[in-house]
Amino acid sequence: MMAKWLALAFGILLADQLTKYAVLQHFATGRAIEVTSFFNLVLVYNTGAAFSFLSDASGWQREFFITIALLASVWIIYLLRRYGQQTLFCLALSMVLAGALGNVIDRFLFGAVVDFLDFHAFGYHWPAFNVADSAITIGAVLLIWDGFRPPKAGKSEPPINAD
């Protein structure tokens, strides 16, 4: 059962890395290419976390984010193994796993995460992001959604909290 969740995570990870590779081959850092009136492609290196959190730190954040992502990945693999029959929960975990590993690969290779999707409207820009970030975000939303669903009879549920 766990193999299908790991295969899904691998597929998302592969899509993330292939899109980043394509952007790295064809784009100059910081140069935006307008795709639509609200969407650009742009190569940006993010040394921080979500929304460039800690991007201006002195460099220690690289190892910190790698460690957190690897520990989270180990925990996610444990949860996939234990709760592999819970479709929505495992779908969400697979997406988060793929995103975490995709960004870890970037941190190892480049010291920063490669971002390239740039949405904007009315003079405001959403921080640039990538496929891995999208997978993490969608996975997190699905985890929240799954947490609000009533448990099915006869199935063990993942622990929501320690109370």
Foldseek 3Di string as FASTA:
>chain_A
DLVVLLVLLVVLLVVQVVVLVVCVVPADAPDWDDDDPFKTWHKYFQLAPAVNVCSVPPQPVLVVLLVVLVVLLVVLSVVCVVQVVDPLLSQLSSLLNSLSVSQNVCCVVPVTGIFTIWGHDPPDIRPTHTSSVVSNVVSVVSNVVVVPDDDDPPGDDDDPDDD
